[in-house]
Protein backbone atom coordinates (compact mmCIF):
# COMPACT_ATOMS: atom_id res chain seq x y z
CA MET A 1 0.00 0.00 0.00
CA PRO A 2 1.52 3.39 -0.99
CA LEU A 3 2.57 5.86 1.68
CA PHE A 4 0.33 8.65 0.35
CA ALA A 5 -3.37 8.25 -0.44
CA ASN A 6 -3.35 9.22 -4.12
CA THR A 7 -6.30 7.30 -5.60
CA PRO A 8 -9.36 9.56 -5.78
CA VAL A 9 -12.43 8.32 -3.94
CA GLU A 10 -14.45 8.63 -7.14
CA LYS A 11 -12.25 5.99 -8.87
CA MET A 12 -12.37 3.40 -6.09
CA PRO A 13 -14.46 0.30 -6.87
CA GLY A 14 -15.57 0.02 -3.25
CA PRO A 15 -15.22 1.67 0.15
CA TYR A 16 -11.82 3.14 0.99
CA PRO A 17 -9.93 0.53 3.10
CA ARG A 18 -8.31 3.04 5.49
CA ARG A 19 -11.44 5.12 5.99
CA TRP A 20 -11.45 4.81 9.79
CA TRP A 21 -7.90 6.15 9.96
CA ALA A 22 -8.98 8.95 7.64
CA LEU A 23 -11.84 9.70 10.03
CA LEU A 24 -9.29 10.19 12.81
CA VAL A 25 -7.62 12.90 10.72
CA LEU A 26 -10.95 14.58 9.95
CA CYS A 27 -11.91 14.57 13.64
CA LEU A 28 -8.51 16.00 14.59
CA SER A 29 -9.02 18.81 12.06
CA LEU A 30 -12.47 19.51 13.48
CA LEU A 31 -11.07 19.47 17.02
CA VAL A 32 -8.57 22.24 16.37
CA VAL A 33 -11.02 24.67 14.73
CA VAL A 34 -13.59 24.26 17.53
CA MET A 35 -10.93 24.53 20.25
CA ALA A 36 -9.87 27.89 18.83
CA ASN A 37 -12.99 29.46 20.33
CA THR A 38 -13.31 27.52 23.56
CA SER A 39 -9.66 27.99 24.55
CA LEU A 40 -9.99 31.75 24.20
CA ILE A 41 -12.71 31.86 26.86
CA VAL A 42 -10.24 31.09 29.65
CA ALA A 43 -7.47 33.24 28.12
CA ALA A 44 -9.73 36.32 27.91
CA PRO A 45 -8.94 37.71 31.41
CA ASP A 46 -5.17 37.66 30.74
CA MET A 47 -5.62 39.20 27.29
CA THR A 48 -7.87 41.93 28.70
CA ARG A 49 -5.29 42.85 31.32
CA ASP A 50 -2.19 42.73 29.08
CA LEU A 51 -3.70 44.49 26.05
CA GLY A 52 -5.96 46.86 27.98
CA LEU A 53 -9.00 45.62 26.08
CA SER A 54 -12.34 47.35 26.37
CA SER A 55 -15.46 45.20 26.40
CA SER A 56 -15.91 46.01 22.70
CA ASP A 57 -12.31 45.04 21.94
CA LEU A 58 -12.67 41.73 23.76
CA GLN A 59 -15.91 40.98 21.98
CA TRP A 60 -14.21 41.44 18.61
CA VAL A 61 -11.14 39.44 19.60
CA ILE A 62 -13.58 36.58 20.17
CA ASP A 63 -15.88 37.25 17.24
CA GLY A 64 -13.25 38.31 14.71
CA TYR A 65 -13.04 34.54 14.23
CA THR A 66 -16.80 34.04 14.02
CA VAL A 67 -17.72 36.45 11.21
CA PRO A 68 -15.55 34.99 8.40
CA TYR A 69 -16.07 31.49 9.79
CA ALA A 70 -19.85 31.71 9.47
CA ALA A 71 -19.98 33.81 6.30
CA LEU A 72 -17.58 31.83 4.11
CA MET A 73 -18.42 28.19 4.83
CA LEU A 74 -21.07 27.77 2.14
CA VAL A 75 -18.93 29.22 -0.66
CA LEU A 76 -15.69 27.55 0.40
CA GLY A 77 -17.50 24.23 0.74
CA ALA A 78 -18.63 24.57 -2.88
CA LEU A 79 -15.09 25.38 -4.02
CA GLY A 80 -13.84 22.28 -2.23
CA ASP A 81 -16.48 20.20 -4.01
CA LYS A 82 -15.43 21.49 -7.43
CA TYR A 83 -11.63 21.42 -7.16
CA SER A 84 -10.45 19.26 -4.25
CA ARG A 85 -11.95 18.45 -0.87
CA ARG A 86 -8.65 17.18 0.49
CA GLY A 87 -6.87 20.18 -0.98
CA ALA A 88 -9.38 22.42 0.81
CA LEU A 89 -8.72 20.59 4.08
CA VAL A 90 -4.95 20.93 3.81
CA GLY A 91 -5.07 24.54 2.58
CA GLY A 92 -7.53 25.53 5.31
CA LEU A 93 -5.36 23.97 8.00
CA LEU A 94 -2.30 25.87 6.76
CA ILE A 95 -4.21 29.18 6.70
CA PHE A 96 -5.45 28.41 10.21
CA ALA A 97 -1.90 27.69 11.40
CA GLY A 98 -0.63 30.95 9.87
CA GLY A 99 -3.26 32.95 11.77
CA SER A 100 -2.40 31.06 14.96
CA VAL A 101 1.30 31.89 14.69
CA MET A 102 0.47 35.53 14.01
CA GLY A 103 -1.83 35.65 17.04
CA SER A 104 0.89 34.28 19.29
CA VAL A 105 3.45 36.98 18.47
CA VAL A 106 1.48 40.23 18.04
CA ASP A 107 0.74 42.56 20.93
CA GLU A 108 -1.74 45.06 19.47
CA THR A 109 -5.49 44.68 19.65
CA GLY A 110 -6.08 45.26 15.92
CA LEU A 111 -3.46 42.68 14.95
CA VAL A 112 -4.89 40.10 17.35
CA ILE A 113 -8.33 40.60 15.78
CA ALA A 114 -6.76 40.29 12.32
CA ALA A 115 -5.05 37.05 13.35
CA ARG A 116 -8.33 35.68 14.63
CA ALA A 117 -10.02 36.65 11.33
CA ILE A 118 -7.35 34.75 9.36
CA MET A 119 -7.96 31.73 11.59
CA GLY A 120 -11.68 32.11 10.89
CA VAL A 121 -11.06 31.97 7.14
CA GLY A 122 -9.03 28.80 7.59
CA ALA A 123 -11.74 27.27 9.78
CA ALA A 124 -14.37 28.11 7.15
CA VAL A 125 -12.41 25.99 4.66
CA VAL A 126 -11.71 23.13 7.07
CA MET A 127 -15.12 22.64 8.69
CA PRO A 128 -17.23 21.80 5.59
CA ALA A 129 -14.31 19.85 4.10
CA THR A 130 -14.30 17.46 7.08
CA LEU A 131 -17.99 16.65 6.63
CA SER A 132 -17.91 16.40 2.83
CA LEU A 133 -14.89 14.08 2.92
CA LEU A 134 -16.51 11.97 5.63
CA VAL A 135 -19.67 11.46 3.56
CA ALA A 136 -17.67 10.85 0.37
CA ILE A 137 -15.44 8.23 2.03
CA PHE A 138 -17.97 6.26 4.07
CA PRO A 139 -20.78 4.15 2.60
CA ARG A 140 -24.23 4.96 3.93
CA GLY A 141 -24.31 1.90 6.20
CA GLU A 142 -21.33 3.19 8.18
CA ARG A 143 -21.94 6.90 7.88
CA VAL A 144 -24.04 7.29 11.02
CA ARG A 145 -21.21 5.86 13.14
CA ALA A 146 -18.69 8.14 11.44
CA ILE A 147 -20.84 11.26 11.93
CA THR A 148 -21.41 10.23 15.54
CA ALA A 149 -17.64 10.26 16.08
CA TRP A 150 -17.45 13.64 14.32
CA THR A 151 -20.14 15.03 16.63
CA ALA A 152 -18.48 13.63 19.73
CA THR A 153 -15.29 15.41 18.71
CA SER A 154 -17.13 18.74 18.86
CA GLY A 155 -18.11 18.01 22.45
CA LEU A 156 -14.56 17.00 23.31
CA ALA A 157 -13.27 20.28 21.90
CA ILE A 158 -15.59 22.31 24.15
CA ALA A 159 -13.76 20.93 27.18
CA ALA A 160 -10.31 20.31 25.67
CA GLY A 161 -9.81 23.95 24.64
CA PRO A 162 -10.12 25.43 28.14
CA LEU A 163 -8.20 22.50 29.64
CA LEU A 164 -5.16 22.82 27.36
CA ALA A 165 -5.24 26.62 27.45
CA GLY A 166 -5.53 26.60 31.23
CA ARG A 167 -2.49 24.36 31.54
CA LEU A 168 -0.43 26.63 29.30
CA LEU A 169 -1.53 29.79 31.13
CA GLU A 170 -0.08 28.46 34.36
CA ASP A 171 3.45 28.98 33.02
CA HIS A 172 3.11 31.06 29.85
CA ALA A 173 1.50 34.22 28.49
CA TRP A 174 -1.83 34.22 26.63
CA GLY A 175 -0.06 34.05 23.27
CA SER A 176 0.77 30.42 24.01
CA THR A 177 -2.92 29.51 23.69
CA PHE A 178 -2.70 30.31 19.96
CA LEU A 179 0.24 27.96 19.60
CA ILE A 180 -1.81 24.99 20.82
CA ASN A 181 -3.10 24.78 17.27
CA VAL A 182 0.20 24.56 15.39
CA PRO A 183 1.38 21.01 16.26
CA ILE A 184 -2.17 19.68 15.87
CA VAL A 185 -2.42 21.30 12.43
CA LEU A 186 0.93 19.84 11.33
CA VAL A 187 -0.19 16.36 12.35
CA GLY A 188 -3.49 16.98 10.54
CA VAL A 189 -1.77 18.06 7.30
CA VAL A 190 0.56 15.05 7.24
CA GLY A 191 -2.32 12.74 8.17
CA ALA A 192 -4.49 14.21 5.40
CA LEU A 193 -1.84 13.54 2.76
CA VAL A 194 -1.13 10.02 4.01
CA LEU A 195 -4.59 8.80 5.02
CA VAL A 196 -7.29 10.94 3.38
CA PRO A 197 -7.86 10.18 -0.32
CA PRO A 198 -8.47 12.97 -2.86
CA SER A 199 -12.10 13.69 -3.63
CA LYS A 200 -14.11 16.13 -5.71
CA ALA A 201 -17.56 16.32 -7.22
CA GLN A 202 -18.16 14.75 -10.62
CA GLY A 203 -19.85 16.88 -13.29
CA MET A 204 -20.55 19.74 -10.90
CA GLY A 205 -20.63 22.52 -13.50
CA ARG A 206 -20.08 26.22 -12.87
CA ILE A 207 -20.09 27.65 -9.37
CA ASP A 208 -22.83 30.14 -8.60
CA TYR A 209 -20.57 33.04 -7.60
CA VAL A 210 -23.42 35.56 -7.48
CA GLY A 211 -25.32 33.40 -5.01
CA GLY A 212 -22.09 32.85 -3.10
CA LEU A 213 -21.43 36.58 -2.83
CA LEU A 214 -25.00 37.22 -1.67
CA SER A 215 -24.65 34.50 0.98
CA ILE A 216 -21.37 35.99 2.23
CA VAL A 217 -22.82 39.49 2.51
CA SER A 218 -26.04 38.29 4.15
CA VAL A 219 -24.44 36.02 6.75
CA ALA A 220 -21.58 38.42 7.55
CA ALA A 221 -24.02 41.33 8.04
CA LEU A 222 -26.32 39.16 10.14
CA VAL A 223 -23.53 37.94 12.42
CA TYR A 224 -22.19 41.49 12.78
CA ALA A 225 -25.64 42.75 13.79
CA ILE A 226 -26.07 39.84 16.21
CA ILE A 227 -22.73 40.65 17.86
CA GLU A 228 -22.89 44.45 17.96
CA GLY A 229 -26.58 45.16 18.58
CA PRO A 230 -27.27 43.25 21.80
CA HIS A 231 -23.93 44.12 23.40
CA PHE A 232 -23.35 47.73 22.40
CA GLY A 233 -26.75 49.08 21.40
CA TRP A 234 -28.71 49.26 18.18
CA GLY A 235 -26.98 52.25 16.67
CA ALA A 236 -26.50 53.04 12.99
CA GLY A 237 -23.95 50.26 12.41
CA PRO A 238 -25.93 47.26 13.73
CA VAL A 239 -29.22 48.54 12.28
CA THR A 240 -27.64 49.03 8.85
CA ALA A 241 -26.11 45.56 9.06
CA ALA A 242 -29.49 44.05 9.96
CA VAL A 243 -31.12 45.75 6.97
CA VAL A 244 -28.32 44.59 4.66
CA ALA A 245 -28.72 41.05 6.01
CA ALA A 246 -32.48 41.07 5.39
CA VAL A 247 -32.20 42.52 1.87
CA GLY A 248 -29.29 40.24 1.04
CA LEU A 249 -31.14 37.15 2.25
CA LEU A 250 -34.19 38.04 0.17
CA ALA A 251 -32.00 38.64 -2.88
CA PHE A 252 -30.21 35.33 -2.25
CA VAL A 253 -33.49 33.39 -2.12
CA VAL A 254 -34.83 35.04 -5.29
CA TRP A 255 -31.56 34.47 -7.16
CA GLU A 256 -31.26 30.83 -6.06
CA LEU A 257 -34.85 30.09 -7.09
CA ARG A 258 -34.22 31.46 -10.59
CA ASN A 259 -30.72 30.06 -11.09
CA PRO A 260 -30.61 26.62 -12.79
CA HIS A 261 -27.39 25.80 -10.89
CA PRO A 262 -27.80 27.46 -7.47
CA MET A 263 -25.16 27.61 -4.76
CA LEU A 264 -27.76 26.24 -2.32
CA ASP A 265 -31.10 24.95 -3.58
CA VAL A 266 -33.38 26.79 -1.14
CA ARG A 267 -36.23 24.48 -2.14
CA LYS A 268 -34.63 21.96 0.21
CA PHE A 269 -36.18 23.90 3.08
CA ARG A 270 -39.53 22.55 1.91
CA GLN A 271 -38.26 19.10 2.88
CA ARG A 272 -39.23 18.58 6.50
CA PRO A 273 -36.29 16.30 7.41
CA PHE A 274 -33.80 18.89 6.15
CA SER A 275 -35.45 22.00 7.60
CA GLY A 276 -36.25 20.31 10.92
CA SER A 277 -32.65 19.16 11.33
CA MET A 278 -31.28 22.60 10.44
CA ILE A 279 -33.56 24.19 13.04
CA ALA A 280 -32.48 21.60 15.61
CA VAL A 281 -28.77 22.33 15.08
CA LEU A 282 -29.34 26.09 15.29
CA PHE A 283 -31.41 25.98 18.49
CA PHE A 284 -29.22 23.39 20.13
CA PHE A 285 -26.02 25.35 19.77
CA PHE A 286 -27.84 28.54 20.75
CA GLY A 287 -28.43 27.05 24.19
CA THR A 288 -25.16 25.14 24.45
CA PHE A 289 -22.75 27.93 23.56
CA GLY A 290 -24.70 30.47 25.60
CA ALA A 291 -24.79 28.28 28.72
CA VAL A 292 -21.11 27.30 28.49
CA TYR A 293 -20.20 30.97 27.97
CA TYR A 294 -21.71 32.21 31.21
CA ALA A 295 -21.09 29.03 33.24
CA THR A 296 -17.38 29.44 32.51
CA GLN A 297 -17.48 33.02 33.76
CA TYR A 298 -19.26 31.95 36.95
CA LEU A 299 -16.59 29.31 37.64
CA GLN A 300 -13.85 31.92 37.22
CA PHE A 301 -15.33 35.10 38.69
CA VAL A 302 -17.61 33.79 41.44
CA LEU A 303 -16.00 30.50 42.44
CA GLY A 304 -12.49 31.79 41.83
CA TYR A 305 -11.14 28.93 39.72
CA ASP A 306 -8.16 29.64 37.55
CA ALA A 307 -8.04 28.77 33.86
CA LEU A 308 -6.80 25.19 34.34
CA GLU A 309 -9.25 24.45 37.14
CA THR A 310 -12.07 25.78 34.98
CA GLY A 311 -11.03 23.58 32.07
CA VAL A 312 -10.91 20.49 34.29
CA ARG A 313 -14.43 21.17 35.53
CA LEU A 314 -15.78 21.33 31.98
CA THR A 315 -14.52 17.83 31.11
CA PRO A 316 -17.70 16.03 32.31
CA LEU A 317 -19.50 17.67 29.38
CA ALA A 318 -17.12 16.01 26.93
CA GLY A 319 -17.51 12.62 28.60
CA ALA A 320 -21.29 12.93 28.50
CA VAL A 321 -21.15 13.74 24.76
CA PHE A 322 -19.42 10.40 24.12
CA VAL A 323 -22.03 8.56 26.20
CA GLY A 324 -24.86 10.27 24.30
CA ALA A 325 -23.18 9.50 20.97
CA ALA A 326 -22.89 5.81 21.91
CA VAL A 327 -26.57 5.70 22.88
CA THR A 328 -27.77 7.41 19.70
CA GLY A 329 -25.65 5.07 17.60
CA ARG A 330 -27.60 2.12 19.03
CA LEU A 331 -31.08 3.64 19.26
CA SER A 332 -31.35 5.84 16.14
CA PRO A 333 -31.78 2.91 13.72
CA ARG A 334 -34.67 1.59 15.84
CA LEU A 335 -36.37 4.72 17.16
CA GLY A 336 -35.65 7.12 14.30
CA VAL A 337 -34.28 10.62 13.94
CA LYS A 338 -37.35 12.44 15.30
CA ALA A 339 -37.28 10.53 18.58
CA MET A 340 -33.55 11.04 19.14
CA VAL A 341 -33.36 14.69 18.08
CA GLY A 342 -36.57 15.58 19.93
CA THR A 343 -35.41 13.84 23.11
CA GLY A 344 -32.04 15.57 22.92
CA MET A 345 -33.69 18.96 22.45
CA VAL A 346 -35.94 18.42 25.49
CA LEU A 347 -32.98 17.29 27.62
CA GLY A 348 -30.96 20.30 26.43
CA ALA A 349 -33.76 22.67 27.42
CA ALA A 350 -33.98 20.97 30.81
CA ALA A 351 -30.21 21.25 31.27
CA VAL A 352 -30.20 25.00 30.66
CA THR A 353 -33.29 25.50 32.84
CA LEU A 354 -31.57 23.78 35.77
CA LEU A 355 -29.28 26.80 36.03
CA THR A 356 -32.25 28.88 37.19
CA LEU A 357 -31.52 27.36 40.62
CA ILE A 358 -28.14 29.13 40.83
CA ASP A 359 -27.65 31.62 43.65
CA ALA A 360 -24.67 33.30 45.31
CA ASP A 361 -24.03 30.23 47.50
CA SER A 362 -24.00 27.74 44.62
CA GLY A 363 -20.82 25.78 44.09
CA TYR A 364 -19.54 23.67 41.23
CA SER A 365 -21.89 20.84 42.14
CA ALA A 366 -24.82 23.02 41.03
CA PHE A 367 -23.35 23.17 37.50
CA LEU A 368 -22.40 19.51 37.19
CA PRO A 369 -25.90 18.17 36.37
CA THR A 370 -26.26 20.79 33.63
CA LEU A 371 -22.89 19.90 32.09
CA LEU A 372 -23.67 16.18 32.16
CA LEU A 373 -27.20 16.56 30.80
CA LEU A 374 -26.16 19.06 28.13
CA GLY A 375 -23.30 16.89 26.95
CA PHE A 376 -25.51 13.82 26.80
CA ALA A 377 -28.11 15.77 24.82
CA ILE A 378 -25.48 16.95 22.30
CA GLY A 379 -24.32 13.39 21.71
CA LEU A 380 -27.88 12.14 21.45
CA SER A 381 -29.32 14.62 18.95
CA VAL A 382 -26.70 16.44 16.88
CA SER A 383 -25.36 13.34 15.12
CA PRO A 384 -28.70 12.18 13.62
CA ALA A 385 -29.57 15.78 12.71
CA THR A 386 -26.25 16.23 10.89
CA ASP A 387 -26.60 12.87 9.16
CA THR A 388 -30.06 13.91 7.92
CA ILE A 389 -28.76 17.24 6.62
CA MET A 390 -25.85 15.64 4.76
CA GLY A 391 -28.14 12.92 3.40
CA SER A 392 -30.20 15.63 1.69
CA PHE A 393 -27.35 16.53 -0.70
CA PRO A 394 -26.04 14.64 -3.73
CA GLU A 395 -22.37 13.81 -4.14
CA SER A 396 -21.72 16.97 -6.15
CA GLU A 397 -22.90 19.18 -3.25
CA LEU A 398 -21.38 17.55 -0.16
CA GLY A 399 -19.24 20.60 0.61
CA VAL A 400 -22.31 22.82 0.34
CA GLY A 401 -24.15 20.42 2.63
CA GLY A 402 -21.35 20.61 5.17
CA GLY A 403 -21.32 24.39 4.84
CA ALA A 404 -25.09 24.57 5.42
CA ASN A 405 -24.88 22.38 8.52
CA ASP A 406 -21.92 24.28 9.94
CA THR A 407 -23.41 27.70 9.16
CA SER A 408 -26.50 26.72 11.14
CA LEU A 409 -24.26 25.56 13.98
CA GLU A 410 -22.19 28.74 13.98
CA LEU A 411 -25.22 31.04 13.70
CA GLY A 412 -26.82 29.26 16.64
CA GLY A 413 -23.66 29.59 18.72
CA SER A 414 -23.25 33.26 17.80
CA LEU A 415 -26.86 34.00 18.69
CA GLY A 416 -26.52 32.17 21.99
CA ILE A 417 -23.39 34.01 23.07
CA ALA A 418 -24.59 37.41 21.82
CA LEU A 419 -28.23 37.37 22.96
CA LEU A 420 -27.85 35.39 26.19
CA GLY A 421 -24.56 37.18 26.91
CA SER A 422 -26.27 40.54 26.44
CA LEU A 423 -29.14 39.50 28.70
CA LEU A 424 -26.64 38.30 31.29
CA SER A 425 -24.81 41.63 31.19
CA THR A 426 -27.99 43.70 31.50
CA SER A 427 -29.37 41.61 34.34
CA TYR A 428 -26.06 41.74 36.21
CA LYS A 429 -25.83 45.52 35.76
CA ASP A 430 -29.39 46.15 36.98
CA ARG A 431 -28.99 43.92 40.04
CA LEU A 432 -25.63 45.42 41.00
CA THR A 433 -27.07 48.93 40.66
CA ASP A 434 -29.87 47.99 43.04
CA LEU A 435 -27.39 46.63 45.59
CA VAL A 436 -24.56 49.21 45.55
CA GLY A 437 -25.70 52.00 43.22
CA GLY A 438 -25.59 54.70 45.89
CA GLN A 439 -22.42 53.47 47.60
CA LEU A 440 -19.79 53.88 44.89
CA PRO A 441 -18.39 56.86 42.98
CA ALA A 442 -19.79 57.13 39.46
CA GLU A 443 -16.60 55.98 37.71
CA ALA A 444 -16.11 53.00 40.02
CA LEU A 445 -19.77 52.02 39.65
CA HIS A 446 -19.51 52.19 35.84
CA THR A 447 -16.45 49.89 35.88
CA ALA A 448 -18.14 47.45 38.25
CA GLN A 449 -21.27 47.39 36.08
CA GLU A 450 -19.38 46.40 32.92
CA SER A 451 -18.60 42.87 34.10
CA ALA A 452 -18.07 40.69 37.13
CA GLY A 453 -14.34 40.92 36.49
CA GLY A 454 -14.61 44.71 36.55
CA GLY A 455 -16.55 44.59 39.81
CA LEU A 456 -13.91 42.41 41.45
CA ALA A 457 -11.16 44.74 40.23
CA VAL A 458 -12.97 47.71 41.82
CA ALA A 459 -13.28 45.74 45.07
CA GLU A 460 -9.54 45.05 45.00
CA GLY A 461 -8.89 48.77 44.59
CA ILE A 462 -11.19 49.58 47.51
CA ALA A 463 -9.33 47.10 49.73
CA LYS A 464 -6.06 48.92 49.04
CA SER A 465 -7.50 52.42 49.37
CA PRO A 466 -7.09 54.36 52.65
CA ASP A 467 -10.74 55.46 52.31
CA GLY A 468 -11.95 51.90 51.82
CA GLY A 469 -10.83 48.80 53.60
CA ALA A 470 -11.40 45.07 53.69
CA GLN A 471 -14.98 45.28 54.96
CA GLN A 472 -16.20 47.58 52.19
CA ALA A 473 -14.31 45.57 49.59
CA GLN A 474 -15.90 42.34 50.79
CA ALA A 475 -19.34 43.93 50.67
CA LEU A 476 -18.79 44.78 47.01
CA VAL A 477 -17.45 41.29 46.27
CA ASP A 478 -20.59 39.80 47.83
CA ALA A 479 -22.76 42.14 45.76
CA VAL A 480 -20.91 41.18 42.55
CA HIS A 481 -21.32 37.48 43.31
CA GLU A 482 -25.01 37.86 44.10
CA SER A 483 -25.61 39.98 41.01
CA PHE A 484 -23.85 37.56 38.70
CA ALA A 485 -25.61 34.54 40.19
CA HIS A 486 -28.94 36.35 39.76
CA ALA A 487 -28.01 37.12 36.13
CA VAL A 488 -27.10 33.47 35.44
CA ALA A 489 -30.43 32.27 36.86
CA TYR A 490 -32.48 34.83 34.94
CA THR A 491 -30.61 34.28 31.67
CA SER A 492 -30.98 30.52 32.02
CA LEU A 493 -34.73 30.91 32.40
CA VAL A 494 -34.91 32.77 29.09
CA GLY A 495 -32.47 30.35 27.45
CA GLY A 496 -34.45 27.37 28.67
CA ILE A 497 -37.69 28.83 27.33
CA VAL A 498 -36.09 29.47 23.92
CA MET A 499 -34.68 25.92 23.87
CA ALA A 500 -38.08 24.49 24.82
CA ALA A 501 -39.75 26.48 22.03
CA GLY A 502 -37.11 25.15 19.64
CA ALA A 503 -37.81 21.60 20.79
CA VAL A 504 -41.53 22.03 20.11
CA LEU A 505 -40.83 23.51 16.67
CA VAL A 506 -38.45 20.69 15.77
CA LEU A 507 -40.95 18.03 16.86
CA LEU A 508 -43.62 19.69 14.72
CA VAL A 509 -41.39 19.97 11.65
CA LEU A 510 -39.47 16.69 11.69
CA PRO A 511 -41.44 13.85 10.06
CA GLY A 512 -41.88 10.36 11.47
CA ASN A 513 -39.87 7.31 10.47
CA ARG A 514 -41.93 6.42 7.39
CA ALA A 515 -41.64 9.87 5.78
CA LEU A 516 -37.95 10.06 6.68
CA LYS A 517 -37.33 6.66 5.09
CA GLN A 518 -38.98 7.85 1.88
CA HIS A 519 -36.84 11.00 1.97
CA ARG A 520 -33.65 8.95 2.25
CA GLU A 521 -34.69 6.60 -0.53
CA GLN A 522 -35.21 9.60 -2.80
CA SER A 523 -31.84 11.16 -1.87
CA PRO A 524 -28.88 10.20 -4.07
CA GLU A 525 -26.34 7.85 -2.52
CA PRO A 526 -22.83 9.26 -3.00
CA GLN A 527 -21.18 5.83 -2.91
CA GLU A 528 -23.51 4.46 -5.57
CA GLU A 529 -23.13 7.60 -7.69
CA ARG A 530 -19.37 7.40 -7.85
CA VAL A 531 -19.33 3.66 -8.54
CA SER A 532 -21.74 4.09 -11.46
CA ALA A 533 -19.71 7.06 -12.67
CA SER A 534 -16.49 5.04 -12.58
CA ARG A 535 -18.12 2.30 -14.70
CA SER A 536 -19.84 4.54 -17.23
CA PRO A 537 -18.20 4.97 -20.64
CA ARG A 538 -16.00 8.05 -20.96
């Protein structure tokens, strides 16, 4: 057997023999692009202090990655389909590594945001490539197991990012958290060349660049509005972006309906299995990313855990994802997608709602049931939803299918962090004002209102001030803790209600087993397509 995998998937007479090793490479590639966001959560306090970041700066350090990541996946997935899915994977990993190296050495806010944006572009190439290659390599009988492993990797990354970053931050500066990615990427590139066979769509035709441009503008404007509006007010910028997103989306739909070779056939949304699964992914990651975002802050700011300790305490979520994935792998064939996705959505809503019990005296044990239940729900529902989405696309559109799935995931996560994060901030500010509004100078109160970290910094200053003292400082610390706990409980109530509404919507939209079976029988089988193509006369 040759060292490098050089035979294209499309020319293989049967399933690729080393496909499970190839899956390991694809999961490793997925791991690194998801970890890029979760590792930054625990590095944010050090970055804020060293770079003097404002809340707006910090938000864009985080979301400078999100905007290109979400906006470009559909188009870059299509380019991978047409020219080379493996080439897209390798190229995306190298772009991602370049941004990571840049982020580790720069020390200006604008350059850090630029580095994160470059990483986002790389991730937008990698993410759909992993899914399209997975579906191209695996026959349908094995694909559910492969997608289950892919999904479980996402859950692992949620915990692995903070854990690895926390370990590095014990001895190194925040720039080291960017360098986590480089050795993983190098292993991924070598593994892709050795173990992942080349693949591209057969007879795809011209790429719909107009539709691609409209999708980029629409999604980028939407994500920008989602990030800026809730956090910093609906001024001219976010409102304009929202209008551009709405007009762009309408133009995209009209163009795609009239184009004989659309970037994304929007008629697919009439198919209940596809639309129900897309809604499920969006709502699920809305609740998951939002809850992990503020739970991590509670562990750090209220319970006082450092970055490594916080990462360790998130690991039960990853373990529960693997358990849920194992369960869904056994039960999905018997119970069907609707039962598994619906059950996972209900459990996810329950997990978020449990955090309404949080108060200022709550310890880590109060978060553990939520982490376990949320992880189990991810493993249970996301894999069958993703499998249904990818099964709705023919072989020539697997990259587009991966881009559609991942765009829904990223939009859901962005909405969760932005909307629930904004609600958390507002609730915290209002509660803190009620508790200490008349006891602090205006400037100190404004700083304390911005975040729990700001409130604790003000308390530290009061403890050192001749006019303050330990007693006054402790009173402010207690008020910050109570305010943040109140904000977590209130935000979780809203998040749980949104998740529950999403669960109801998904259960209404997703069809039963008989309709889903008919949908799958009507969907083209990539393995069969490429075998027939390889045997047809040239």
